Amino acid sequence: MVKLELVHEIECDKASFWSSFFDAELSKRLFLEGLGFREWVVTSQTEDAGSIRRNVSVEPVVALPGPLVKLLGTKFRYTEEGTFDKATETFRWKLVPSAMADRIRVDGVMRATPAGEGKTTRRVELTIEASVFMVGKLVEETFAKQLDEGWTKGANVQNEWLRKAKSEVG
């Protein structure tokens, strides 16, 4: 099992952070244009007084080692099943891979806290566990690397877009 904690500063206030996180068009643009994913589609989203539930179908572009291509296929996909608790302002999700879903577990928790004027600290805790004979550790390490790089690149792209938007307004 691999556990990661990723911390990024996002250049907007906390309310704007969460609002943009659940903005389907902005998120789609981030994943497709910013991160180069092949597909990012909200398949369902519901909201009630206490939570927002969202499922997203995703096809990332990933560089997999040969043994994992054989295991997961050339068109790796996953579904993100997430719930945002409005009271605690916490987003919890799991990624359900298109292959080996009964043997690969990826889940996470994201929180955002104010980090000074117009800034937010985004904290993401990820757990990756693969119960796959002979290649489980390789699956965990590869997923951890891809997720770390993706979340970091996503923060950088988001901040670049936010700075550009501020300069166009100001």
C-alpha atoms as a PDB file:
ATOM      1  CA  MET A   1       0.000   0.000   0.000  1.00  0.00           C
ATOM      2  CA  VAL A   2       1.181   3.499  -0.861  1.00  0.00           C
ATOM      3  CA  LYS A   3      -0.028   6.629   0.915  1.00  0.00           C
ATOM      4  CA  LEU A   4       0.588  10.095  -0.473  1.00  0.00           C
ATOM      5  CA  GLU A   5      -0.098  13.523   0.933  1.00  0.00           C
ATOM      6  CA  LEU A   6       0.007  16.308  -1.631  1.00  0.00           C
ATOM      7  CA  VAL A   7      -0.137  19.966  -0.653  1.00  0.00           C
ATOM      8  CA  HIS A   8      -0.602  22.747  -3.208  1.00  0.00           C
ATOM      9  CA  GLU A   9      -1.320  26.438  -2.907  1.00  0.00           C
ATOM     10  CA  ILE A  10      -4.115  27.564  -5.227  1.00  0.00           C
ATOM     11  CA  GLU A  11      -4.344  31.261  -6.054  1.00  0.00           C
ATOM     12  CA  CYS A  12      -7.988  31.883  -5.153  1.00  0.00           C
ATOM     13  CA  ASP A  13     -10.058  32.007  -1.992  1.00  0.00           C
ATOM     14  CA  LYS A  14     -11.608  28.851  -0.565  1.00  0.00           C
ATOM     15  CA  ALA A  15     -15.145  29.571  -1.799  1.00  0.00           C
ATOM     16  CA  SER A  16     -13.849  30.115  -5.349  1.00  0.00           C
ATOM     17  CA  PHE A  17     -11.758  26.957  -5.087  1.00  0.00           C
ATOM     18  CA  TRP A  18     -14.757  24.746  -4.290  1.00  0.00           C
ATOM     19  CA  SER A  19     -16.973  26.542  -6.781  1.00  0.00           C
ATOM     20  CA  SER A  20     -14.462  25.948  -9.572  1.00  0.00           C
ATOM     21  CA  PHE A  21     -13.932  22.339  -8.481  1.00  0.00           C
ATOM     22  CA  PHE A  22     -17.607  21.593  -9.116  1.00  0.00           C
ATOM     23  CA  ASP A  23     -17.830  23.705 -12.291  1.00  0.00           C
ATOM     24  CA  ALA A  24     -18.136  20.909 -14.873  1.00  0.00           C
ATOM     25  CA  GLU A  25     -16.993  23.016 -17.838  1.00  0.00           C
ATOM     26  CA  LEU A  26     -13.947  24.400 -16.047  1.00  0.00           C
ATOM     27  CA  SER A  27     -12.980  20.971 -14.730  1.00  0.00           C
ATOM     28  CA  LYS A  28     -13.428  19.421 -18.168  1.00  0.00           C
ATOM     29  CA  ARG A  29     -11.176  22.120 -19.657  1.00  0.00           C
ATOM     30  CA  LEU A  30      -8.567  21.509 -16.935  1.00  0.00           C
ATOM     31  CA  PHE A  31      -8.453  17.761 -17.576  1.00  0.00           C
ATOM     32  CA  LEU A  32      -8.659  17.869 -21.373  1.00  0.00           C
ATOM     33  CA  GLU A  33      -6.628  20.968 -22.218  1.00  0.00           C
ATOM     34  CA  GLY A  34      -4.481  21.371 -19.121  1.00  0.00           C
ATOM     35  CA  LEU A  35      -3.672  17.742 -18.396  1.00  0.00           C
ATOM     36  CA  GLY A  36      -4.137  16.254 -21.869  1.00  0.00           C
ATOM     37  CA  PHE A  37      -6.690  13.593 -20.894  1.00  0.00           C
ATOM     38  CA  ARG A  38      -8.605  11.898 -23.715  1.00  0.00           C
ATOM     39  CA  GLU A  39     -11.927  12.099 -21.875  1.00  0.00           C
ATOM     40  CA  TRP A  40     -13.443  13.658 -18.758  1.00  0.00           C
ATOM     41  CA  VAL A  41     -17.243  13.457 -18.508  1.00  0.00           C
ATOM     42  CA  VAL A  42     -19.541  13.988 -15.527  1.00  0.00           C
ATOM     43  CA  THR A  43     -21.868  10.976 -15.656  1.00  0.00           C
ATOM     44  CA  SER A  44     -23.948  12.030 -12.662  1.00  0.00           C
ATOM     45  CA  GLN A  45     -24.086  14.828 -10.126  1.00  0.00           C
ATOM     46  CA  THR A  46     -26.641  15.299  -7.391  1.00  0.00           C
ATOM     47  CA  GLU A  47     -26.836  17.775  -4.570  1.00  0.00           C
ATOM     48  CA  ASP A  48     -28.814  17.939  -1.354  1.00  0.00           C
ATOM     49  CA  ALA A  49     -28.584  20.054   1.785  1.00  0.00           C
ATOM     50  CA  GLY A  50     -25.581  18.163   3.132  1.00  0.00           C
ATOM     51  CA  SER A  51     -23.599  16.928   0.160  1.00  0.00           C
ATOM     52  CA  ILE A  52     -22.702  16.922  -3.505  1.00  0.00           C
ATOM     53  CA  ARG A  53     -22.233  13.525  -5.145  1.00  0.00           C
ATOM     54  CA  ARG A  54     -20.439  13.379  -8.464  1.00  0.00           C
ATOM     55  CA  ASN A  55     -19.291  10.554 -10.724  1.00  0.00           C
ATOM     56  CA  VAL A  56     -16.888  11.226 -13.565  1.00  0.00           C
ATOM     57  CA  SER A  57     -15.772   8.941 -16.392  1.00  0.00           C
ATOM     58  CA  VAL A  58     -12.103   9.511 -17.223  1.00  0.00           C
ATOM     59  CA  GLU A  59      -9.596   8.365 -19.810  1.00  0.00           C
ATOM     60  CA  PRO A  60      -6.180   9.742 -18.883  1.00  0.00           C
ATOM     61  CA  VAL A  61      -3.058   9.595 -20.981  1.00  0.00           C
ATOM     62  CA  VAL A  62      -0.682   7.512 -18.903  1.00  0.00           C
ATOM     63  CA  ALA A  63       2.720   6.001 -19.510  1.00  0.00           C
ATOM     64  CA  LEU A  64       2.476   2.451 -18.223  1.00  0.00           C
ATOM     65  CA  PRO A  65       5.336  -0.044 -17.998  1.00  0.00           C
ATOM     66  CA  GLY A  66       4.980  -3.070 -20.301  1.00  0.00           C
ATOM     67  CA  PRO A  67       3.694  -5.492 -17.638  1.00  0.00           C
ATOM     68  CA  LEU A  68       0.943  -3.019 -16.675  1.00  0.00           C
ATOM     69  CA  VAL A  69      -0.123  -2.498 -20.290  1.00  0.00           C
ATOM     70  CA  LYS A  70      -0.678  -6.262 -20.474  1.00  0.00           C
ATOM     71  CA  LEU A  71      -2.611  -6.170 -17.211  1.00  0.00           C
ATOM     72  CA  LEU A  72      -4.675  -2.981 -17.700  1.00  0.00           C
ATOM     73  CA  GLY A  73      -4.803  -2.648 -21.477  1.00  0.00           C
ATOM     74  CA  THR A  74      -3.827   0.194 -23.784  1.00  0.00           C
ATOM     75  CA  LYS A  75      -6.962   2.271 -23.142  1.00  0.00           C
ATOM     76  CA  PHE A  76      -6.901   2.566 -19.370  1.00  0.00           C
ATOM     77  CA  ARG A  77      -9.979   4.303 -17.943  1.00  0.00           C
ATOM     78  CA  TYR A  78     -11.472   4.872 -14.542  1.00  0.00           C
ATOM     79  CA  THR A  79     -14.569   6.242 -12.875  1.00  0.00           C
ATOM     80  CA  GLU A  80     -14.201   8.730 -10.049  1.00  0.00           C
ATOM     81  CA  GLU A  81     -17.000   8.336  -7.480  1.00  0.00           C
ATOM     82  CA  GLY A  82     -16.915  11.249  -5.075  1.00  0.00           C
ATOM     83  CA  THR A  83     -18.883  12.939  -2.319  1.00  0.00           C
ATOM     84  CA  PHE A  84     -18.393  16.435  -0.947  1.00  0.00           C
ATOM     85  CA  ASP A  85     -19.554  16.893   2.644  1.00  0.00           C
ATOM     86  CA  LYS A  86     -20.737  20.491   2.912  1.00  0.00           C
ATOM     87  CA  ALA A  87     -20.505  20.609   6.706  1.00  0.00           C
ATOM     88  CA  THR A  88     -16.845  19.576   6.850  1.00  0.00           C
ATOM     89  CA  GLU A  89     -15.941  20.897   3.376  1.00  0.00           C
ATOM     90  CA  THR A  90     -14.267  17.589   2.601  1.00  0.00           C
ATOM     91  CA  PHE A  91     -14.299  15.748  -0.727  1.00  0.00           C
ATOM     92  CA  ARG A  92     -13.859  11.966  -0.530  1.00  0.00           C
ATOM     93  CA  TRP A  93     -13.611   9.784  -3.580  1.00  0.00           C
ATOM     94  CA  LYS A  94     -12.523   6.486  -4.988  1.00  0.00           C
ATOM     95  CA  LEU A  95     -11.232   5.677  -8.435  1.00  0.00           C
ATOM     96  CA  VAL A  96     -12.700   2.539  -9.984  1.00  0.00           C
ATOM     97  CA  PRO A  97     -10.365   1.304 -12.735  1.00  0.00           C
ATOM     98  CA  SER A  98     -11.709  -0.210 -15.942  1.00  0.00           C
ATOM     99  CA  ALA A  99      -9.616  -3.335 -15.342  1.00  0.00           C
ATOM    100  CA  MET A 100      -8.833  -5.194 -12.117  1.00  0.00           C
ATOM    101  CA  ALA A 101     -11.308  -3.109 -10.083  1.00  0.00           C
ATOM    102  CA  ASP A 102     -11.586  -5.917  -7.541  1.00  0.00           C
ATOM    103  CA  ARG A 103      -7.809  -5.858  -6.976  1.00  0.00           C
ATOM    104  CA  ILE A 104      -6.846  -2.199  -7.278  1.00  0.00           C
ATOM    105  CA  ARG A 105      -8.028   0.389  -4.762  1.00  0.00           C
ATOM    106  CA  VAL A 106      -7.393   4.100  -5.081  1.00  0.00           C
ATOM    107  CA  ASP A 107      -9.166   6.503  -2.781  1.00  0.00           C
ATOM    108  CA  GLY A 108      -8.617   9.980  -1.551  1.00  0.00           C
ATOM    109  CA  VAL A 109      -9.642  12.862   0.640  1.00  0.00           C
ATOM    110  CA  MET A 110      -9.287  16.530  -0.295  1.00  0.00           C
ATOM    111  CA  ARG A 111      -9.566  19.506   2.013  1.00  0.00           C
ATOM    112  CA  ALA A 112      -9.029  23.201   1.383  1.00  0.00           C
ATOM    113  CA  THR A 113      -8.010  25.808   3.947  1.00  0.00           C
ATOM    114  CA  PRO A 114      -7.453  29.548   3.626  1.00  0.00           C
ATOM    115  CA  ALA A 115      -3.795  30.458   3.082  1.00  0.00           C
ATOM    116  CA  GLY A 116      -3.831  34.216   3.238  1.00  0.00           C
ATOM    117  CA  GLU A 117      -5.623  36.741   1.122  1.00  0.00           C
ATOM    118  CA  GLY A 118      -6.888  35.209  -2.098  1.00  0.00           C
ATOM    119  CA  LYS A 119      -5.095  31.891  -1.570  1.00  0.00           C
ATOM    120  CA  THR A 120      -6.087  28.390  -0.564  1.00  0.00           C
ATOM    121  CA  THR A 121      -4.045  25.411   0.565  1.00  0.00           C
ATOM    122  CA  ARG A 122      -5.317  22.216  -1.046  1.00  0.00           C
ATOM    123  CA  ARG A 123      -4.432  19.036   0.848  1.00  0.00           C
ATOM    124  CA  VAL A 124      -4.954  15.702  -0.900  1.00  0.00           C
ATOM    125  CA  GLU A 125      -4.444  12.375   0.855  1.00  0.00           C
ATOM    126  CA  LEU A 126      -4.310   9.344  -1.439  1.00  0.00           C
ATOM    127  CA  THR A 127      -4.225   5.630  -0.704  1.00  0.00           C
ATOM    128  CA  ILE A 128      -3.238   3.219  -3.454  1.00  0.00           C
ATOM    129  CA  GLU A 129      -3.404  -0.526  -2.897  1.00  0.00           C
ATOM    130  CA  ALA A 130      -3.001  -3.286  -5.465  1.00  0.00           C
ATOM    131  CA  SER A 131      -3.472  -6.952  -4.667  1.00  0.00           C
ATOM    132  CA  VAL A 132      -2.078  -8.257  -7.930  1.00  0.00           C
ATOM    133  CA  PHE A 133       0.281 -11.225  -7.966  1.00  0.00           C
ATOM    134  CA  MET A 134       3.892 -10.291  -8.831  1.00  0.00           C
ATOM    135  CA  VAL A 135       3.125  -6.731 -10.019  1.00  0.00           C
ATOM    136  CA  GLY A 136       1.146  -5.235  -7.125  1.00  0.00           C
ATOM    137  CA  LYS A 137       4.025  -3.018  -5.998  1.00  0.00           C
ATOM    138  CA  LEU A 138       4.616  -1.868  -9.586  1.00  0.00           C
ATOM    139  CA  VAL A 139       0.922  -0.952  -9.915  1.00  0.00           C
ATOM    140  CA  GLU A 140       1.034   1.028  -6.649  1.00  0.00           C
ATOM    141  CA  GLU A 141       4.254   2.861  -7.523  1.00  0.00           C
ATOM    142  CA  THR A 142       3.100   3.663 -11.078  1.00  0.00           C
ATOM    143  CA  PHE A 143      -0.295   4.941  -9.924  1.00  0.00           C
ATOM    144  CA  ALA A 144       1.351   6.989  -7.140  1.00  0.00           C
ATOM    145  CA  LYS A 145       3.758   8.605  -9.601  1.00  0.00           C
ATOM    146  CA  GLN A 146       1.022   9.361 -12.145  1.00  0.00           C
ATOM    147  CA  LEU A 147      -1.323  10.786  -9.495  1.00  0.00           C
ATOM    148  CA  ASP A 148       1.394  12.912  -7.881  1.00  0.00           C
ATOM    149  CA  GLU A 149       2.417  14.347 -11.256  1.00  0.00           C
ATOM    150  CA  GLY A 150      -1.200  14.904 -12.327  1.00  0.00           C
ATOM    151  CA  TRP A 151      -2.304  16.715  -9.148  1.00  0.00           C
ATOM    152  CA  THR A 152       0.826  18.883  -9.204  1.00  0.00           C
ATOM    153  CA  LYS A 153       0.455  19.741 -12.884  1.00  0.00           C
ATOM    154  CA  GLY A 154      -3.247  20.440 -12.314  1.00  0.00           C
ATOM    155  CA  ALA A 155      -2.408  22.931  -9.542  1.00  0.00           C
ATOM    156  CA  ASN A 156       0.171  24.627 -11.761  1.00  0.00           C
ATOM    157  CA  VAL A 157      -2.225  24.896 -14.720  1.00  0.00           C
ATOM    158  CA  GLN A 158      -5.047  26.146 -12.504  1.00  0.00           C
ATOM    159  CA  ASN A 159      -2.780  28.816 -10.979  1.00  0.00           C
ATOM    160  CA  GLU A 160      -1.558  29.867 -14.422  1.00  0.00           C
ATOM    161  CA  TRP A 161      -5.166  30.304 -15.579  1.00  0.00           C
ATOM    162  CA  LEU A 162      -6.076  32.215 -12.397  1.00  0.00           C
ATOM    163  CA  ARG A 163      -3.105  34.584 -12.815  1.00  0.00           C
ATOM    164  CA  LYS A 164      -4.046  35.156 -16.459  1.00  0.00           C
ATOM    165  CA  ALA A 165      -7.680  35.882 -15.535  1.00  0.00           C
ATOM    166  CA  LYS A 166      -6.575  38.348 -12.828  1.00  0.00           C
ATOM    167  CA  SER A 167      -4.230  40.163 -15.223  1.00  0.00           C
ATOM    168  CA  GLU A 168      -7.000  40.475 -17.823  1.00  0.00           C
ATOM    169  CA  VAL A 169      -9.360  41.986 -15.226  1.00  0.00           C
ATOM    170  CA  GLY A 170      -6.762  44.199 -13.530  1.00  0.00           C
END
